[in-house]
Amino acid sequence: MRLLISGGAGFLGSHLCDYYHQRGWNVVCVDNLLTGSRANIAHLAGHDRFYFLPMRAEDVHPESVPDPHERLDLVLHFASAASPEHYLEWPIETLSVGSDGTRRMLELAQRHRATFVMASTSEIYGDPEVHPQTESYWGHVNSIGPRSCYDEAKRFAEAITMAFHRSHRVDTRIVRIFNTYGPRMQAGDGRVIPNFITQALAGQPITVYGSGEQTRSFCFYQDLVAGIAALAEKGGPEPVNIGNPNEFTMLELARLVIEMTESASTLEFCPLPQDDPRRRRPDITRAKQLLGWEPRISLREGLQPTIAWFSSQHPQAVEAR
């Protein structure tokens, strides 16, 4: 079996490379390293079943893929800036990979008659007026706000994925990913768990936006990868929420991180960013019924290896504390 994954050197993409490579698949990893890192896939370099293609998803064409006449069984489209710091810095690139990149990956899947899995996001629900969020909810999104480059890129990507399914009968999947965390995340990328952990390890104030009562649901990467693999194997064209339905306020998360890192950090409150969602929690009924999937790892269990990984990456911060 052979797959191509765009964004394969990113946080989630690299874990998906590991998952399929460990199961005997031939893996073609595509990444231009705008937000991904060679370090995430360094352990796979040199393996005869792993090939790294350093380019944008938008630039991939059939002849650029190694052994172009050998069939691809699966195309995973995970190329995109995913953190606020990154997509606000590169809005045009984010829109491009969501539009041109998605079309190019769909054309590749069509050519090979491969299953296509598109990484969507809970951000397509915006600041939701329905709670928890089901796949039938159309969302409450500001199409011209600062976050729109990411929201609308993903909404367009969903639309063109469904168009290829309906018009060209491509076997497609759409996974709506809710907040996910774990080793290989980047410090300071604007996402709450890396921010809180790195601040706590350094003994710095924990930055809490707004009142801290806004909520998120956090899924450990191993649970998410298992859900994506199940969707690729036995899902259908309709979007599926993959995430952990246990909901935490930012204050609860901050206090848990301080406790688990044994940090003396205090809380520092800052203004809430524009269009920041007040509540976010997936309804995973469809994933349970269709895939037999639900998360198994609690937030405390998942934070332990995540904190250990950040500690290993920034030991000087721990020593300074």
C-alpha atoms as a PDB file:
ATOM      1  CA  MET A   1       0.000   0.000   0.000  1.00  0.00           C
ATOM      2  CA  ARG A   2       1.209   3.489  -0.846  1.00  0.00           C
ATOM      3  CA  LEU A   3       0.150   6.951   0.287  1.00  0.00           C
ATOM      4  CA  LEU A   4       1.057  10.571  -0.289  1.00  0.00           C
ATOM      5  CA  ILE A   5       0.608  13.065   2.506  1.00  0.00           C
ATOM      6  CA  SER A   6       0.889  16.815   2.008  1.00  0.00           C
ATOM      7  CA  GLY A   7       2.065  18.670   5.084  1.00  0.00           C
ATOM      8  CA  GLY A   8       3.807  15.483   6.177  1.00  0.00           C
ATOM      9  CA  ALA A   9       6.579  17.271   8.077  1.00  0.00           C
ATOM     10  CA  GLY A  10       4.121  19.147  10.283  1.00  0.00           C
ATOM     11  CA  PHE A  11       2.916  18.248  13.760  1.00  0.00           C
ATOM     12  CA  LEU A  12       0.017  15.999  12.740  1.00  0.00           C
ATOM     13  CA  GLY A  13       1.398  15.085   9.329  1.00  0.00           C
ATOM     14  CA  SER A  14       4.587  13.625  10.761  1.00  0.00           C
ATOM     15  CA  HIS A  15       2.651  11.488  13.230  1.00  0.00           C
ATOM     16  CA  LEU A  16       0.540  10.196  10.337  1.00  0.00           C
ATOM     17  CA  CYS A  17       3.746   9.396   8.425  1.00  0.00           C
ATOM     18  CA  ASP A  18       4.861   7.363  11.452  1.00  0.00           C
ATOM     19  CA  TYR A  19       1.509   5.592  11.763  1.00  0.00           C
ATOM     20  CA  TYR A  20       1.402   4.351   8.186  1.00  0.00           C
ATOM     21  CA  HIS A  21       5.126   3.676   7.860  1.00  0.00           C
ATOM     22  CA  GLN A  22       5.034   1.503  10.979  1.00  0.00           C
ATOM     23  CA  ARG A  23       2.240  -0.496   9.353  1.00  0.00           C
ATOM     24  CA  GLY A  24       4.278  -1.286   6.266  1.00  0.00           C
ATOM     25  CA  TRP A  25       3.006   1.412   3.901  1.00  0.00           C
ATOM     26  CA  ASN A  26       5.188   3.236   1.406  1.00  0.00           C
ATOM     27  CA  VAL A  27       4.968   6.896   2.395  1.00  0.00           C
ATOM     28  CA  VAL A  28       5.547   9.931   0.163  1.00  0.00           C
ATOM     29  CA  CYS A  29       5.803  13.048   2.328  1.00  0.00           C
ATOM     30  CA  VAL A  30       5.233  16.451   0.669  1.00  0.00           C
ATOM     31  CA  ASP A  31       6.122  19.618   2.585  1.00  0.00           C
ATOM     32  CA  ASN A  32       7.652  22.987   1.706  1.00  0.00           C
ATOM     33  CA  LEU A  33       8.695  23.415   5.370  1.00  0.00           C
ATOM     34  CA  LEU A  34       6.962  26.781   5.730  1.00  0.00           C
ATOM     35  CA  THR A  35       5.578  25.618   9.082  1.00  0.00           C
ATOM     36  CA  GLY A  36       6.753  21.998   9.070  1.00  0.00           C
ATOM     37  CA  SER A  37      10.187  20.805  10.187  1.00  0.00           C
ATOM     38  CA  ARG A  38      12.711  18.279   8.895  1.00  0.00           C
ATOM     39  CA  ALA A  39      13.309  17.345  12.531  1.00  0.00           C
ATOM     40  CA  ASN A  40       9.804  15.839  12.691  1.00  0.00           C
ATOM     41  CA  ILE A  41      10.654  13.303   9.982  1.00  0.00           C
ATOM     42  CA  ALA A  42      14.427  12.951  10.508  1.00  0.00           C
ATOM     43  CA  HIS A  43      13.997   9.474  12.020  1.00  0.00           C
ATOM     44  CA  LEU A  44      12.353   8.295   8.776  1.00  0.00           C
ATOM     45  CA  ALA A  45      15.096   9.605   6.480  1.00  0.00           C
ATOM     46  CA  GLY A  46      16.932   6.819   4.705  1.00  0.00           C
ATOM     47  CA  HIS A  47      14.159   4.249   5.026  1.00  0.00           C
ATOM     48  CA  ASP A  48      13.389   2.598   1.694  1.00  0.00           C
ATOM     49  CA  ARG A  49       9.643   3.024   2.222  1.00  0.00           C
ATOM     50  CA  PHE A  50       9.819   6.757   2.938  1.00  0.00           C
ATOM     51  CA  TYR A  51      10.350   9.529   0.392  1.00  0.00           C
ATOM     52  CA  PHE A  52      10.440  13.251   1.116  1.00  0.00           C
ATOM     53  CA  LEU A  53       9.331  15.676  -1.586  1.00  0.00           C
ATOM     54  CA  PRO A  54      10.293  19.260  -0.544  1.00  0.00           C
ATOM     55  CA  MET A  55       7.675  21.319  -2.353  1.00  0.00           C
ATOM     56  CA  ARG A  56       4.300  23.011  -2.010  1.00  0.00           C
ATOM     57  CA  ALA A  57       1.153  20.939  -2.408  1.00  0.00           C
ATOM     58  CA  GLU A  58       0.136  23.424  -5.126  1.00  0.00           C
ATOM     59  CA  ASP A  59       3.216  22.476  -7.180  1.00  0.00           C
ATOM     60  CA  VAL A  60       2.892  18.698  -7.031  1.00  0.00           C
ATOM     61  CA  HIS A  61       2.205  17.084 -10.399  1.00  0.00           C
ATOM     62  CA  PRO A  62       2.079  13.381 -11.316  1.00  0.00           C
ATOM     63  CA  GLU A  63       5.620  13.283 -12.697  1.00  0.00           C
ATOM     64  CA  SER A  64       7.097  14.864  -9.549  1.00  0.00           C
ATOM     65  CA  VAL A  65       5.930  11.944  -7.412  1.00  0.00           C
ATOM     66  CA  PRO A  66       8.509   9.135  -7.143  1.00  0.00           C
ATOM     67  CA  ASP A  67       7.573   6.131  -9.309  1.00  0.00           C
ATOM     68  CA  PRO A  68       4.725   8.119 -10.936  1.00  0.00           C
ATOM     69  CA  HIS A  69       3.217   5.038 -12.589  1.00  0.00           C
ATOM     70  CA  GLU A  70       2.989   3.160  -9.300  1.00  0.00           C
ATOM     71  CA  ARG A  71      -0.462   3.440  -7.774  1.00  0.00           C
ATOM     72  CA  LEU A  72      -1.261   5.657  -4.805  1.00  0.00           C
ATOM     73  CA  ASP A  73      -3.899   4.071  -2.581  1.00  0.00           C
ATOM     74  CA  LEU A  74      -4.403   7.036  -0.265  1.00  0.00           C
ATOM     75  CA  VAL A  75      -3.881  10.812  -0.454  1.00  0.00           C
ATOM     76  CA  LEU A  76      -3.937  12.735   2.832  1.00  0.00           C
ATOM     77  CA  HIS A  77      -4.137  16.518   2.382  1.00  0.00           C
ATOM     78  CA  PHE A  78      -2.816  18.043   5.607  1.00  0.00           C
ATOM     79  CA  ALA A  79      -0.794  20.936   4.170  1.00  0.00           C
ATOM     80  CA  SER A  80      -1.737  24.239   5.789  1.00  0.00           C
ATOM     81  CA  ALA A  81      -0.633  26.655   8.427  1.00  0.00           C
ATOM     82  CA  ALA A  82      -2.781  25.692  11.403  1.00  0.00           C
ATOM     83  CA  SER A  83      -1.786  27.993  14.255  1.00  0.00           C
ATOM     84  CA  PRO A  84      -2.965  31.624  14.523  1.00  0.00           C
ATOM     85  CA  GLU A  85       0.609  32.948  14.571  1.00  0.00           C
ATOM     86  CA  HIS A  86       1.355  31.194  11.300  1.00  0.00           C
ATOM     87  CA  TYR A  87      -1.784  31.820   9.251  1.00  0.00           C
ATOM     88  CA  LEU A  88      -1.903  35.453  10.317  1.00  0.00           C
ATOM     89  CA  GLU A  89       1.707  35.817   9.131  1.00  0.00           C
ATOM     90  CA  TRP A  90       1.081  33.945   5.863  1.00  0.00           C
ATOM     91  CA  PRO A  91      -2.572  34.569   4.914  1.00  0.00           C
ATOM     92  CA  ILE A  92      -2.045  34.347   1.128  1.00  0.00           C
ATOM     93  CA  GLU A  93      -0.112  31.091   1.428  1.00  0.00           C
ATOM     94  CA  THR A  94      -2.854  29.712   3.693  1.00  0.00           C
ATOM     95  CA  LEU A  95      -5.563  30.569   1.176  1.00  0.00           C
ATOM     96  CA  SER A  96      -3.460  29.172  -1.672  1.00  0.00           C
ATOM     97  CA  VAL A  97      -2.875  25.769  -0.135  1.00  0.00           C
ATOM     98  CA  GLY A  98      -6.550  25.533   0.819  1.00  0.00           C
ATOM     99  CA  SER A  99      -7.650  26.274  -2.745  1.00  0.00           C
ATOM    100  CA  ASP A 100      -4.988  25.409  -5.361  1.00  0.00           C
ATOM    101  CA  GLY A 101      -3.334  22.872  -3.071  1.00  0.00           C
ATOM    102  CA  THR A 102      -6.577  21.034  -2.391  1.00  0.00           C
ATOM    103  CA  ARG A 103      -7.454  20.966  -6.093  1.00  0.00           C
ATOM    104  CA  ARG A 104      -4.018  19.567  -6.987  1.00  0.00           C
ATOM    105  CA  MET A 105      -4.245  16.839  -4.360  1.00  0.00           C
ATOM    106  CA  LEU A 106      -7.769  15.937  -5.493  1.00  0.00           C
ATOM    107  CA  GLU A 107      -6.574  15.663  -9.092  1.00  0.00           C
ATOM    108  CA  LEU A 108      -3.795  13.352  -7.933  1.00  0.00           C
ATOM    109  CA  ALA A 109      -6.281  11.167  -6.051  1.00  0.00           C
ATOM    110  CA  GLN A 110      -8.575  11.114  -9.097  1.00  0.00           C
ATOM    111  CA  ARG A 111      -5.723  10.044 -11.386  1.00  0.00           C
ATOM    112  CA  HIS A 112      -4.724   7.178  -9.077  1.00  0.00           C
ATOM    113  CA  ARG A 113      -8.272   6.281  -8.024  1.00  0.00           C
ATOM    114  CA  ALA A 114      -7.069   6.772  -4.466  1.00  0.00           C
ATOM    115  CA  THR A 115      -9.052   7.561  -1.339  1.00  0.00           C
ATOM    116  CA  PHE A 116      -8.696  11.261  -0.523  1.00  0.00           C
ATOM    117  CA  VAL A 117      -8.761  12.589   3.057  1.00  0.00           C
ATOM    118  CA  MET A 118      -8.944  16.342   3.563  1.00  0.00           C
ATOM    119  CA  ALA A 119      -7.951  17.869   6.920  1.00  0.00           C
ATOM    120  CA  SER A 120     -10.620  20.397   7.785  1.00  0.00           C
ATOM    121  CA  THR A 121     -11.026  22.102  11.138  1.00  0.00           C
ATOM    122  CA  SER A 122     -13.416  23.064  13.883  1.00  0.00           C
ATOM    123  CA  GLU A 123     -12.662  26.657  12.829  1.00  0.00           C
ATOM    124  CA  ILE A 124     -15.217  26.292  10.025  1.00  0.00           C
ATOM    125  CA  TYR A 125     -17.856  26.572  12.784  1.00  0.00           C
ATOM    126  CA  GLY A 126     -16.469  29.997  13.745  1.00  0.00           C
ATOM    127  CA  ASP A 127     -17.797  31.432  17.014  1.00  0.00           C
ATOM    128  CA  PRO A 128     -20.606  28.882  17.208  1.00  0.00           C
ATOM    129  CA  GLU A 129     -24.210  29.623  18.116  1.00  0.00           C
ATOM    130  CA  VAL A 130     -24.877  25.880  18.442  1.00  0.00           C
ATOM    131  CA  HIS A 131     -23.235  23.876  21.222  1.00  0.00           C
ATOM    132  CA  PRO A 132     -21.827  21.253  21.003  1.00  0.00           C
ATOM    133  CA  GLN A 133     -21.097  21.472  17.283  1.00  0.00           C
ATOM    134  CA  THR A 134     -22.574  18.801  15.016  1.00  0.00           C
ATOM    135  CA  GLU A 135     -21.502  18.261  11.419  1.00  0.00           C
ATOM    136  CA  SER A 136     -24.876  19.595  10.230  1.00  0.00           C
ATOM    137  CA  TYR A 137     -24.186  23.039  11.720  1.00  0.00           C
ATOM    138  CA  TRP A 138     -23.178  25.546   9.009  1.00  0.00           C
ATOM    139  CA  GLY A 139     -21.196  27.815  11.289  1.00  0.00           C
ATOM    140  CA  HIS A 140     -21.022  31.458  12.377  1.00  0.00           C
ATOM    141  CA  VAL A 141     -17.939  32.854  10.638  1.00  0.00           C
ATOM    142  CA  ASN A 142     -16.663  36.331   9.793  1.00  0.00           C
ATOM    143  CA  SER A 143     -15.566  35.949   6.165  1.00  0.00           C
ATOM    144  CA  ILE A 144     -13.447  39.139   6.184  1.00  0.00           C
ATOM    145  CA  GLY A 145     -11.953  39.040   9.687  1.00  0.00           C
ATOM    146  CA  PRO A 146      -8.265  38.392  10.413  1.00  0.00           C
ATOM    147  CA  ARG A 147      -8.899  34.670  10.934  1.00  0.00           C
ATOM    148  CA  SER A 148     -10.843  34.343   7.680  1.00  0.00           C
ATOM    149  CA  CYS A 149      -7.771  33.334   5.652  1.00  0.00           C
ATOM    150  CA  TYR A 150      -7.800  30.042   7.554  1.00  0.00           C
ATOM    151  CA  ASP A 151     -11.553  29.622   8.069  1.00  0.00           C
ATOM    152  CA  GLU A 152     -12.464  30.329   4.455  1.00  0.00           C
ATOM    153  CA  ALA A 153      -9.564  28.312   3.041  1.00  0.00           C
ATOM    154  CA  LYS A 154     -10.903  25.277   4.861  1.00  0.00           C
ATOM    155  CA  ARG A 155     -14.518  25.986   3.915  1.00  0.00           C
ATOM    156  CA  PHE A 156     -13.495  26.249   0.252  1.00  0.00           C
ATOM    157  CA  ALA A 157     -11.431  23.055   0.591  1.00  0.00           C
ATOM    158  CA  GLU A 158     -14.506  21.226   1.877  1.00  0.00           C
ATOM    159  CA  ALA A 159     -16.578  22.592  -1.022  1.00  0.00           C
ATOM    160  CA  ILE A 160     -14.142  21.518  -3.744  1.00  0.00           C
ATOM    161  CA  THR A 161     -13.682  18.123  -2.083  1.00  0.00           C
ATOM    162  CA  MET A 162     -17.437  17.532  -2.254  1.00  0.00           C
ATOM    163  CA  ALA A 163     -17.488  18.824  -5.862  1.00  0.00           C
ATOM    164  CA  PHE A 164     -14.842  16.273  -6.903  1.00  0.00           C
ATOM    165  CA  HIS A 165     -16.805  13.568  -5.123  1.00  0.00           C
ATOM    166  CA  ARG A 166     -20.066  14.482  -6.829  1.00  0.00           C
ATOM    167  CA  SER A 167     -18.710  15.350 -10.287  1.00  0.00           C
ATOM    168  CA  HIS A 168     -15.799  12.898 -10.621  1.00  0.00           C
ATOM    169  CA  ARG A 169     -16.776  10.204  -8.117  1.00  0.00           C
ATOM    170  CA  VAL A 170     -13.535  10.576  -6.191  1.00  0.00           C
ATOM    171  CA  ASP A 171     -13.642   8.578  -2.944  1.00  0.00           C
ATOM    172  CA  THR A 172     -13.341  11.466  -0.475  1.00  0.00           C
ATOM    173  CA  ARG A 173     -13.316  12.021   3.272  1.00  0.00           C
ATOM    174  CA  ILE A 174     -13.462  15.250   5.293  1.00  0.00           C
ATOM    175  CA  VAL A 175     -12.172  15.227   8.870  1.00  0.00           C
ATOM    176  CA  ARG A 176     -13.068  18.236  11.003  1.00  0.00           C
ATOM    177  CA  ILE A 177     -10.253  18.330  13.523  1.00  0.00           C
ATOM    178  CA  PHE A 178     -10.781  19.878  16.944  1.00  0.00           C
ATOM    179  CA  ASN A 179      -7.937  21.149  19.136  1.00  0.00           C
ATOM    180  CA  THR A 180      -5.179  18.549  19.132  1.00  0.00           C
ATOM    181  CA  TYR A 181      -1.930  18.527  21.066  1.00  0.00           C
ATOM    182  CA  GLY A 182       1.163  16.448  21.731  1.00  0.00           C
ATOM    183  CA  PRO A 183       4.892  16.157  21.029  1.00  0.00           C
ATOM    184  CA  ARG A 184       6.257  17.988  17.949  1.00  0.00           C
ATOM    185  CA  MET A 185       4.091  21.057  18.386  1.00  0.00           C
ATOM    186  CA  GLN A 186       6.030  24.295  18.039  1.00  0.00           C
ATOM    187  CA  ALA A 187       6.609  26.525  21.030  1.00  0.00           C
ATOM    188  CA  GLY A 188       5.119  29.971  20.640  1.00  0.00           C
ATOM    189  CA  ASP A 189       2.928  29.110  17.664  1.00  0.00           C
ATOM    190  CA  GLY A 190      -0.077  30.798  19.218  1.00  0.00           C
ATOM    191  CA  ARG A 191      -1.922  27.657  20.264  1.00  0.00           C
ATOM    192  CA  VAL A 192      -2.900  27.485  23.886  1.00  0.00           C
ATOM    193  CA  ILE A 193      -1.257  24.262  25.098  1.00  0.00           C
ATOM    194  CA  PRO A 194       2.252  25.011  23.735  1.00  0.00           C
ATOM    195  CA  ASN A 195       1.944  28.573  25.038  1.00  0.00           C
ATOM    196  CA  PHE A 196       0.897  27.533  28.531  1.00  0.00           C
ATOM    197  CA  ILE A 197       3.495  24.755  28.820  1.00  0.00           C
ATOM    198  CA  THR A 198       6.456  26.806  27.612  1.00  0.00           C
ATOM    199  CA  GLN A 199       5.479  29.748  29.826  1.00  0.00           C
ATOM    200  CA  ALA A 200       5.068  27.474  32.848  1.00  0.00           C
ATOM    201  CA  LEU A 201       8.394  25.712  32.251  1.00  0.00           C
ATOM    202  CA  ALA A 202      10.134  29.086  32.055  1.00  0.00           C
ATOM    203  CA  GLY A 203       8.378  30.383  35.156  1.00  0.00           C
ATOM    204  CA  GLN A 204       6.786  33.172  33.126  1.00  0.00           C
ATOM    205  CA  PRO A 205       3.223  34.469  33.630  1.00  0.00           C
ATOM    206  CA  ILE A 206       0.607  32.326  31.883  1.00  0.00           C
ATOM    207  CA  THR A 207      -1.119  34.470  29.243  1.00  0.00           C
ATOM    208  CA  VAL A 208      -4.892  34.049  29.513  1.00  0.00           C
ATOM    209  CA  TYR A 209      -7.014  35.934  26.995  1.00  0.00           C
ATOM    210  CA  GLY A 210     -10.308  37.485  28.024  1.00  0.00           C
ATOM    211  CA  SER A 211     -11.779  36.225  31.292  1.00  0.00           C
ATOM    212  CA  GLY A 212     -10.447  32.712  30.738  1.00  0.00           C
ATOM    213  CA  GLU A 213     -13.978  31.303  30.792  1.00  0.00           C
ATOM    214  CA  GLN A 214     -13.946  30.498  27.075  1.00  0.00           C
ATOM    215  CA  THR A 215     -13.721  26.751  26.474  1.00  0.00           C
ATOM    216  CA  ARG A 216     -11.927  24.276  24.238  1.00  0.00           C
ATOM    217  CA  SER A 217     -11.819  20.490  23.938  1.00  0.00           C
ATOM    218  CA  PHE A 218      -8.386  18.892  23.673  1.00  0.00           C
ATOM    219  CA  CYS A 219      -7.598  15.642  21.843  1.00  0.00           C
ATOM    220  CA  PHE A 220      -4.231  13.876  22.230  1.00  0.00           C
ATOM    221  CA  TYR A 221      -2.582  13.244  18.874  1.00  0.00           C
ATOM    222  CA  GLN A 222      -2.630   9.438  19.216  1.00  0.00           C
ATOM    223  CA  ASP A 223      -6.419   9.437  19.531  1.00  0.00           C
ATOM    224  CA  LEU A 224      -6.728  11.795  16.581  1.00  0.00           C
ATOM    225  CA  VAL A 225      -4.453   9.718  14.331  1.00  0.00           C
ATOM    226  CA  ALA A 226      -6.480   6.609  15.155  1.00  0.00           C
ATOM    227  CA  GLY A 227      -9.661   8.460  14.222  1.00  0.00           C
ATOM    228  CA  ILE A 228      -8.225   9.683  10.931  1.00  0.00           C
ATOM    229  CA  ALA A 229      -7.037   6.192  10.027  1.00  0.00           C
ATOM    230  CA  ALA A 230     -10.485   4.774  10.806  1.00  0.00           C
ATOM    231  CA  LEU A 231     -12.105   7.471   8.662  1.00  0.00           C
ATOM    232  CA  ALA A 232      -9.761   6.737   5.750  1.00  0.00           C
ATOM    233  CA  GLU A 233     -10.576   3.039   5.976  1.00  0.00           C
ATOM    234  CA  LYS A 234     -14.332   3.019   6.424  1.00  0.00           C
ATOM    235  CA  GLY A 235     -15.705   6.546   6.315  1.00  0.00           C
ATOM    236  CA  GLY A 236     -17.840   8.269   3.707  1.00  0.00           C
ATOM    237  CA  PRO A 237     -17.936  11.656   1.976  1.00  0.00           C
ATOM    238  CA  GLU A 238     -19.816  13.524   4.705  1.00  0.00           C
ATOM    239  CA  PRO A 239     -17.672  15.505   7.185  1.00  0.00           C
ATOM    240  CA  VAL A 240     -16.835  13.832  10.487  1.00  0.00           C
ATOM    241  CA  ASN A 241     -15.844  15.590  13.710  1.00  0.00           C
ATOM    242  CA  ILE A 242     -12.761  14.058  15.307  1.00  0.00           C
ATOM    243  CA  GLY A 243     -11.922  15.473  18.717  1.00  0.00           C
ATOM    244  CA  ASN A 244     -12.388  15.021  22.442  1.00  0.00           C
ATOM    245  CA  PRO A 245     -15.804  16.128  23.749  1.00  0.00           C
ATOM    246  CA  ASN A 246     -14.505  16.862  27.270  1.00  0.00           C
ATOM    247  CA  GLU A 247     -14.659  20.648  27.625  1.00  0.00           C
ATOM    248  CA  PHE A 248     -12.288  22.812  29.678  1.00  0.00           C
ATOM    249  CA  THR A 249     -12.091  26.530  30.349  1.00  0.00           C
ATOM    250  CA  MET A 250      -8.787  28.261  29.713  1.00  0.00           C
ATOM    251  CA  LEU A 251      -8.494  28.883  33.457  1.00  0.00           C
ATOM    252  CA  GLU A 252      -8.880  25.168  34.171  1.00  0.00           C
ATOM    253  CA  LEU A 253      -6.222  24.349  31.592  1.00  0.00           C
ATOM    254  CA  ALA A 254      -3.816  26.985  32.918  1.00  0.00           C
ATOM    255  CA  ARG A 255      -4.137  25.738  36.492  1.00  0.00           C
ATOM    256  CA  LEU A 256      -3.656  22.120  35.402  1.00  0.00           C
ATOM    257  CA  VAL A 257      -0.489  22.984  33.453  1.00  0.00           C
ATOM    258  CA  ILE A 258       0.890  24.944  36.426  1.00  0.00           C
ATOM    259  CA  GLU A 259       0.182  21.991  38.700  1.00  0.00           C
ATOM    260  CA  MET A 260       1.719  19.381  36.392  1.00  0.00           C
ATOM    261  CA  THR A 261       4.856  21.434  35.674  1.00  0.00           C
ATOM    262  CA  GLU A 262       5.204  22.380  39.355  1.00  0.00           C
ATOM    263  CA  SER A 263       5.600  25.954  38.191  1.00  0.00           C
ATOM    264  CA  ALA A 264       5.404  29.163  40.180  1.00  0.00           C
ATOM    265  CA  SER A 265       3.862  30.968  37.211  1.00  0.00           C
ATOM    266  CA  THR A 266       1.023  33.394  37.827  1.00  0.00           C
ATOM    267  CA  LEU A 267      -1.834  34.283  35.472  1.00  0.00           C
ATOM    268  CA  GLU A 268      -1.708  37.347  33.247  1.00  0.00           C
ATOM    269  CA  PHE A 269      -4.960  38.444  31.586  1.00  0.00           C
ATOM    270  CA  CYS A 270      -4.920  40.044  28.117  1.00  0.00           C
ATOM    271  CA  PRO A 271      -7.650  41.278  25.742  1.00  0.00           C
ATOM    272  CA  LEU A 272      -9.483  38.599  23.784  1.00  0.00           C
ATOM    273  CA  PRO A 273      -8.400  38.435  20.107  1.00  0.00           C
ATOM    274  CA  GLN A 274     -10.963  39.395  17.446  1.00  0.00           C
ATOM    275  CA  ASP A 275     -13.399  36.608  16.478  1.00  0.00           C
ATOM    276  CA  ASP A 276     -11.960  34.232  19.092  1.00  0.00           C
ATOM    277  CA  PRO A 277     -14.615  31.531  19.707  1.00  0.00           C
ATOM    278  CA  ARG A 278     -16.226  31.552  23.131  1.00  0.00           C
ATOM    279  CA  ARG A 279     -17.000  27.833  23.196  1.00  0.00           C
ATOM    280  CA  ARG A 280     -15.761  24.872  21.217  1.00  0.00           C
ATOM    281  CA  ARG A 281     -16.756  21.246  21.712  1.00  0.00           C
ATOM    282  CA  PRO A 282     -17.380  18.496  19.158  1.00  0.00           C
ATOM    283  CA  ASP A 283     -20.404  16.286  18.941  1.00  0.00           C
ATOM    284  CA  ILE A 284     -18.761  12.960  17.982  1.00  0.00           C
ATOM    285  CA  THR A 285     -21.918  10.900  17.557  1.00  0.00           C
ATOM    286  CA  ARG A 286     -21.198  10.385  13.849  1.00  0.00           C
ATOM    287  CA  ALA A 287     -17.631   9.200  14.544  1.00  0.00           C
ATOM    288  CA  LYS A 288     -18.899   6.734  17.138  1.00  0.00           C
ATOM    289  CA  GLN A 289     -21.603   5.315  14.872  1.00  0.00           C
ATOM    290  CA  LEU A 290     -19.715   5.337  11.567  1.00  0.00           C
ATOM    291  CA  LEU A 291     -16.183   4.505  12.714  1.00  0.00           C
ATOM    292  CA  GLY A 292     -16.604   2.962  16.147  1.00  0.00           C
ATOM    293  CA  TRP A 293     -14.167   5.631  17.339  1.00  0.00           C
ATOM    294  CA  GLU A 294     -13.931   7.772  20.437  1.00  0.00           C
ATOM    295  CA  PRO A 295     -10.956   9.237  22.302  1.00  0.00           C
ATOM    296  CA  ARG A 296      -9.410   7.235  25.129  1.00  0.00           C
ATOM    297  CA  ILE A 297      -6.665   9.494  26.514  1.00  0.00           C
ATOM    298  CA  SER A 298      -7.582  12.091  29.142  1.00  0.00           C
ATOM    299  CA  LEU A 299      -6.158  15.602  29.148  1.00  0.00           C
ATOM    300  CA  ARG A 300      -3.985  14.880  32.179  1.00  0.00           C
ATOM    301  CA  GLU A 301      -2.659  11.663  30.591  1.00  0.00           C
ATOM    302  CA  GLY A 302      -1.861  13.423  27.326  1.00  0.00           C
ATOM    303  CA  LEU A 303      -0.237  16.419  28.969  1.00  0.00           C
ATOM    304  CA  GLN A 304       2.378  14.235  30.701  1.00  0.00           C
ATOM    305  CA  PRO A 305       4.301  13.228  27.524  1.00  0.00           C
ATOM    306  CA  THR A 306       3.628  16.636  25.983  1.00  0.00           C
ATOM    307  CA  ILE A 307       5.215  18.453  28.921  1.00  0.00           C
ATOM    308  CA  ALA A 308       8.104  15.970  28.898  1.00  0.00           C
ATOM    309  CA  TRP A 309       8.691  16.666  25.194  1.00  0.00           C
ATOM    310  CA  PHE A 310       8.731  20.441  25.632  1.00  0.00           C
ATOM    311  CA  SER A 311      11.054  20.027  28.622  1.00  0.00           C
ATOM    312  CA  SER A 312      13.470  18.037  26.460  1.00  0.00           C
ATOM    313  CA  GLN A 313      13.353  20.691  23.749  1.00  0.00           C
ATOM    314  CA  HIS A 314      13.959  23.626  26.111  1.00  0.00           C
ATOM    315  CA  PRO A 315      15.941  22.280  29.100  1.00  0.00           C
ATOM    316  CA  GLN A 316      17.468  25.700  29.758  1.00  0.00           C
ATOM    317  CA  ALA A 317      14.022  27.086  30.582  1.00  0.00           C
ATOM    318  CA  VAL A 318      13.472  24.342  33.147  1.00  0.00           C
ATOM    319  CA  GLU A 319      16.913  24.891  34.680  1.00  0.00           C
ATOM    320  CA  ALA A 320      16.340  28.659  34.860  1.00  0.00           C
ATOM    321  CA  ARG A 321      13.093  28.162  36.705  1.00  0.00           C
END
